[in-house]
Structures are given as C-alpha cells and as structure tokens.
Amino acid sequence: MNKDIAREWVTALRSGEYPQGMGGLRQYGDLIRSEVTYCCLGVLCDVVAERTFMAVNPGAYGGYYDTESDPAIYHPFNNLLPPRVRKFAGTPNDDILITLTSAERETFGRGEESTGVEYLANLNDSGKFSFADIADMIERTFDLA
C-alpha cells in the first residue's frame, strides 16, 4: 500500500470527522437519525477523492461511483473499494488484509483458529474496534511508525 496515502488515512480515521458505521462504505441516515456514517474503507475513499479530485463520488444510497473507470457504470461500490481507489492507494484487492495481535484476535472472537490476518471491512463491521483501533492496526501492518 502507498505509505503516504496510508498515513493520511490513519490521520483521517483519528480525526473525529468521520462517524463510524457498519454495512457500507458510506451510510446515510434515516428519518430518525440524519447522521452520515462511514466504514474505515469509506474514509479511505474520501482521502483518495480529496487528494486526487478523482471522480469517486458518494452515491445516492451510500456507495461510491467510479465514473472515471467506466462512465457507463452506474453501480455503486457499496461495501468494497472502487477500482480507482485501489489503484491510487496501491492495494490490489477490494478489501485490505490486516495483521492482528493475539489480543485483537481474541477481541474479534477468532482466537487460536485465526490465521492472524483479517479483512478491514470485517473488523469494522464487527463493532468491536474503533477507528482509532483500526488506525493502530493499519500503522502496524504497513509499518508506518
């Protein structure tokens, strides 16, 4: 992963500007709760969009449209990273594998059967890790210290 982008992402995760949510990159509120919430991967989408002015736009239902890759695509990337974000961030997959400590494996509920790596979307959506926790994992996995 591009270390400069990863550092900006970690800073954004710790900034307090992004309320953490589950189930999609960016979730819009409803009639009861109007707050927009983000998956940690949605925060990465925003970091890339702000840095590059790429056409990675928030969709009407919470995904991100990757209109630069294919203008005919009108399908939001609701849960996983759009192709242009992956390319710019330097990650080959639509989710990112993170190395867990033994304590994190226990918290996540995988314990000894775990391989020690897990996808960020799963960690975020488990509700067991804050954005600050996830930022620590990203720093450790990509040796950003």
C-alpha atoms as a PDB file:
ATOM      1  CA  MET A   1       0.000   0.000   0.000  1.00  0.00           C
ATOM      2  CA  ASN A   2       1.139   3.553  -0.710  1.00  0.00           C
ATOM      3  CA  LYS A   3       2.515   4.708   2.644  1.00  0.00           C
ATOM      4  CA  ASP A   4       1.691   8.396   2.099  1.00  0.00           C
ATOM      5  CA  ILE A   5      -1.957   7.544   1.440  1.00  0.00           C
ATOM      6  CA  ALA A   6      -1.972   5.143   4.400  1.00  0.00           C
ATOM      7  CA  ARG A   7      -0.668   7.899   6.693  1.00  0.00           C
ATOM      8  CA  GLU A   8      -3.352  10.325   5.506  1.00  0.00           C
ATOM      9  CA  TRP A   9      -5.953   7.616   6.001  1.00  0.00           C
ATOM     10  CA  VAL A  10      -4.784   6.915   9.563  1.00  0.00           C
ATOM     11  CA  THR A  11      -4.926  10.648  10.318  1.00  0.00           C
ATOM     12  CA  ALA A  12      -8.463  10.864   8.921  1.00  0.00           C
ATOM     13  CA  LEU A  13      -9.572   7.846  10.966  1.00  0.00           C
ATOM     14  CA  ARG A  14      -8.305   9.508  14.143  1.00  0.00           C
ATOM     15  CA  SER A  15      -9.608  12.981  13.281  1.00  0.00           C
ATOM     16  CA  GLY A  16     -13.089  12.552  14.717  1.00  0.00           C
ATOM     17  CA  GLU A  17     -14.557  13.934  11.473  1.00  0.00           C
ATOM     18  CA  TYR A  18     -15.915  10.553  10.371  1.00  0.00           C
ATOM     19  CA  PRO A  19     -18.592   8.857  12.482  1.00  0.00           C
ATOM     20  CA  GLN A  20     -18.068   5.101  12.323  1.00  0.00           C
ATOM     21  CA  GLY A  21     -20.813   2.946  10.868  1.00  0.00           C
ATOM     22  CA  MET A  22     -21.327  -0.568   9.546  1.00  0.00           C
ATOM     23  CA  GLY A  23     -22.647  -2.252   6.450  1.00  0.00           C
ATOM     24  CA  GLY A  24     -21.330   0.030   3.726  1.00  0.00           C
ATOM     25  CA  LEU A  25     -18.616   2.465   2.749  1.00  0.00           C
ATOM     26  CA  ARG A  26     -20.844   5.424   3.496  1.00  0.00           C
ATOM     27  CA  GLN A  27     -24.258   5.101   5.066  1.00  0.00           C
ATOM     28  CA  TYR A  28     -26.796   7.876   5.005  1.00  0.00           C
ATOM     29  CA  GLY A  29     -29.073   8.416   7.961  1.00  0.00           C
ATOM     30  CA  ASP A  30     -32.767   7.752   8.023  1.00  0.00           C
ATOM     31  CA  LEU A  31     -35.804   9.661   9.258  1.00  0.00           C
ATOM     32  CA  ILE A  32     -34.748   9.132  12.853  1.00  0.00           C
ATOM     33  CA  ARG A  33     -31.007   9.644  12.579  1.00  0.00           C
ATOM     34  CA  SER A  34     -29.705  12.005   9.900  1.00  0.00           C
ATOM     35  CA  GLU A  35     -26.009  11.387  10.532  1.00  0.00           C
ATOM     36  CA  VAL A  36     -23.841  10.021   7.727  1.00  0.00           C
ATOM     37  CA  THR A  37     -21.562   7.208   8.925  1.00  0.00           C
ATOM     38  CA  TYR A  38     -18.537   5.558   7.358  1.00  0.00           C
ATOM     39  CA  CYS A  39     -16.769   2.244   7.191  1.00  0.00           C
ATOM     40  CA  CYS A  40     -12.993   2.597   7.547  1.00  0.00           C
ATOM     41  CA  LEU A  41     -12.772   1.819   3.804  1.00  0.00           C
ATOM     42  CA  GLY A  42     -15.196   4.668   3.071  1.00  0.00           C
ATOM     43  CA  VAL A  43     -12.812   7.012   4.875  1.00  0.00           C
ATOM     44  CA  LEU A  44     -10.058   5.801   2.515  1.00  0.00           C
ATOM     45  CA  CYS A  45     -12.336   6.603  -0.447  1.00  0.00           C
ATOM     46  CA  ASP A  46     -12.742  10.157   0.841  1.00  0.00           C
ATOM     47  CA  VAL A  47      -8.996  10.558   1.406  1.00  0.00           C
ATOM     48  CA  VAL A  48      -8.261   9.478  -2.167  1.00  0.00           C
ATOM     49  CA  ALA A  49     -11.046  11.642  -3.614  1.00  0.00           C
ATOM     50  CA  GLU A  50      -9.853  14.727  -1.713  1.00  0.00           C
ATOM     51  CA  ARG A  51      -6.242  14.206  -2.675  1.00  0.00           C
ATOM     52  CA  THR A  52      -6.746  13.478  -6.345  1.00  0.00           C
ATOM     53  CA  PHE A  53     -10.062  15.072  -7.284  1.00  0.00           C
ATOM     54  CA  MET A  54     -10.928  11.721  -8.846  1.00  0.00           C
ATOM     55  CA  ALA A  55     -14.493  11.034  -9.781  1.00  0.00           C
ATOM     56  CA  VAL A  56     -15.066   8.779  -6.813  1.00  0.00           C
ATOM     57  CA  ASN A  57     -18.319  10.339  -5.776  1.00  0.00           C
ATOM     58  CA  PRO A  58     -20.647   9.477  -2.941  1.00  0.00           C
ATOM     59  CA  GLY A  59     -23.657   7.724  -4.401  1.00  0.00           C
ATOM     60  CA  ALA A  60     -27.249   8.427  -3.564  1.00  0.00           C
ATOM     61  CA  TYR A  61     -27.532   5.263  -1.488  1.00  0.00           C
ATOM     62  CA  GLY A  62     -24.194   5.331   0.244  1.00  0.00           C
ATOM     63  CA  GLY A  63     -21.763   3.797  -2.225  1.00  0.00           C
ATOM     64  CA  TYR A  64     -19.091   5.450  -4.301  1.00  0.00           C
ATOM     65  CA  TYR A  65     -19.404   5.704  -8.055  1.00  0.00           C
ATOM     66  CA  ASP A  66     -16.228   5.110 -10.021  1.00  0.00           C
ATOM     67  CA  THR A  67     -17.199   7.005 -13.165  1.00  0.00           C
ATOM     68  CA  GLU A  68     -13.631   7.509 -14.382  1.00  0.00           C
ATOM     69  CA  SER A  69     -13.006   3.791 -14.816  1.00  0.00           C
ATOM     70  CA  ASP A  70     -16.129   3.285 -16.879  1.00  0.00           C
ATOM     71  CA  PRO A  71     -18.601   6.151 -17.383  1.00  0.00           C
ATOM     72  CA  ALA A  72     -21.299   3.590 -18.171  1.00  0.00           C
ATOM     73  CA  ILE A  73     -21.072   2.100 -14.694  1.00  0.00           C
ATOM     74  CA  TYR A  74     -23.920   3.248 -12.537  1.00  0.00           C
ATOM     75  CA  HIS A  75     -23.425   0.670  -9.843  1.00  0.00           C
ATOM     76  CA  PRO A  76     -22.210   1.971  -6.512  1.00  0.00           C
ATOM     77  CA  PHE A  77     -19.378   0.265  -4.731  1.00  0.00           C
ATOM     78  CA  ASN A  78     -21.299  -0.035  -1.504  1.00  0.00           C
ATOM     79  CA  ASN A  79     -19.092  -2.327   0.528  1.00  0.00           C
ATOM     80  CA  LEU A  80     -15.704  -2.582  -1.124  1.00  0.00           C
ATOM     81  CA  LEU A  81     -13.098  -0.268  -2.631  1.00  0.00           C
ATOM     82  CA  PRO A  82     -13.714   1.055  -6.142  1.00  0.00           C
ATOM     83  CA  PRO A  83     -11.015   0.218  -8.729  1.00  0.00           C
ATOM     84  CA  ARG A  84      -9.572   3.750  -8.921  1.00  0.00           C
ATOM     85  CA  VAL A  85      -9.214   3.977  -5.150  1.00  0.00           C
ATOM     86  CA  ARG A  86      -7.436   0.606  -5.102  1.00  0.00           C
ATOM     87  CA  LYS A  87      -5.098   1.708  -7.880  1.00  0.00           C
ATOM     88  CA  PHE A  88      -4.231   5.063  -6.338  1.00  0.00           C
ATOM     89  CA  ALA A  89      -3.836   3.644  -2.822  1.00  0.00           C
ATOM     90  CA  GLY A  90      -1.664   0.838  -4.145  1.00  0.00           C
ATOM     91  CA  THR A  91      -3.735  -2.049  -2.883  1.00  0.00           C
ATOM     92  CA  PRO A  92      -4.551  -4.912  -5.252  1.00  0.00           C
ATOM     93  CA  ASN A  93      -7.777  -6.072  -3.586  1.00  0.00           C
ATOM     94  CA  ASP A  94     -11.167  -4.534  -2.932  1.00  0.00           C
ATOM     95  CA  ASP A  95     -10.640  -5.022   0.811  1.00  0.00           C
ATOM     96  CA  ILE A  96      -7.427  -4.812   2.814  1.00  0.00           C
ATOM     97  CA  LEU A  97      -5.900  -7.566   4.940  1.00  0.00           C
ATOM     98  CA  ILE A  98      -4.628  -6.506   8.356  1.00  0.00           C
ATOM     99  CA  THR A  99      -2.324  -8.379  10.727  1.00  0.00           C
ATOM    100  CA  LEU A 100      -3.865  -8.889  14.158  1.00  0.00           C
ATOM    101  CA  THR A 101      -2.170  -9.290  17.505  1.00  0.00           C
ATOM    102  CA  SER A 102      -3.249 -12.207  19.681  1.00  0.00           C
ATOM    103  CA  ALA A 103      -5.266  -9.797  21.864  1.00  0.00           C
ATOM    104  CA  GLU A 104      -7.048  -8.418  18.777  1.00  0.00           C
ATOM    105  CA  ARG A 105      -7.822 -11.969  17.602  1.00  0.00           C
ATOM    106  CA  GLU A 106      -9.397 -12.672  20.988  1.00  0.00           C
ATOM    107  CA  THR A 107     -11.422  -9.435  20.879  1.00  0.00           C
ATOM    108  CA  PHE A 108     -12.580 -10.245  17.359  1.00  0.00           C
ATOM    109  CA  GLY A 109     -13.637 -13.687  18.549  1.00  0.00           C
ATOM    110  CA  ARG A 110     -11.370 -15.740  16.323  1.00  0.00           C
ATOM    111  CA  GLY A 111      -8.879 -16.815  18.985  1.00  0.00           C
ATOM    112  CA  GLU A 112      -6.475 -19.616  18.191  1.00  0.00           C
ATOM    113  CA  GLU A 113      -8.215 -20.742  14.997  1.00  0.00           C
ATOM    114  CA  SER A 114      -7.344 -17.406  13.403  1.00  0.00           C
ATOM    115  CA  THR A 115      -4.596 -17.122  10.827  1.00  0.00           C
ATOM    116  CA  GLY A 116      -3.673 -13.750  12.301  1.00  0.00           C
ATOM    117  CA  VAL A 117      -4.975 -11.704   9.365  1.00  0.00           C
ATOM    118  CA  GLU A 118      -8.438 -10.348   8.714  1.00  0.00           C
ATOM    119  CA  TYR A 119     -10.161  -8.049   6.244  1.00  0.00           C
ATOM    120  CA  LEU A 120     -10.745  -4.481   7.392  1.00  0.00           C
ATOM    121  CA  ALA A 121     -14.422  -4.490   6.407  1.00  0.00           C
ATOM    122  CA  ASN A 122     -14.989  -7.444   8.763  1.00  0.00           C
ATOM    123  CA  LEU A 123     -13.086  -5.762  11.593  1.00  0.00           C
ATOM    124  CA  ASN A 124     -15.002  -2.506  11.109  1.00  0.00           C
ATOM    125  CA  ASP A 125     -18.392  -4.197  10.870  1.00  0.00           C
ATOM    126  CA  SER A 126     -17.794  -6.378  13.926  1.00  0.00           C
ATOM    127  CA  GLY A 127     -18.420  -3.324  16.119  1.00  0.00           C
ATOM    128  CA  LYS A 128     -15.528  -4.401  18.330  1.00  0.00           C
ATOM    129  CA  PHE A 129     -12.910  -1.952  17.072  1.00  0.00           C
ATOM    130  CA  SER A 130     -12.999   1.845  16.938  1.00  0.00           C
ATOM    131  CA  PHE A 131     -11.464   3.863  14.128  1.00  0.00           C
ATOM    132  CA  ALA A 132      -8.541   4.562  16.485  1.00  0.00           C
ATOM    133  CA  ASP A 133      -8.036   0.805  16.948  1.00  0.00           C
ATOM    134  CA  ILE A 134      -8.197   0.263  13.207  1.00  0.00           C
ATOM    135  CA  ALA A 135      -5.715   3.114  12.629  1.00  0.00           C
ATOM    136  CA  ASP A 136      -3.285   1.364  15.008  1.00  0.00           C
ATOM    137  CA  MET A 137      -3.690  -1.879  13.034  1.00  0.00           C
ATOM    138  CA  ILE A 138      -3.047  -0.105   9.731  1.00  0.00           C
ATOM    139  CA  GLU A 139       0.093   1.569  11.123  1.00  0.00           C
ATOM    140  CA  ARG A 140       1.422  -1.732  12.388  1.00  0.00           C
ATOM    141  CA  THR A 141       0.543  -3.735   9.262  1.00  0.00           C
ATOM    142  CA  PHE A 142       2.096  -1.242   6.863  1.00  0.00           C
ATOM    143  CA  ASP A 143       4.988  -0.231   9.156  1.00  0.00           C
ATOM    144  CA  LEU A 144       4.066   3.469   9.197  1.00  0.00           C
ATOM    145  CA  ALA A 145       5.642   4.401  12.552  1.00  0.00           C
END
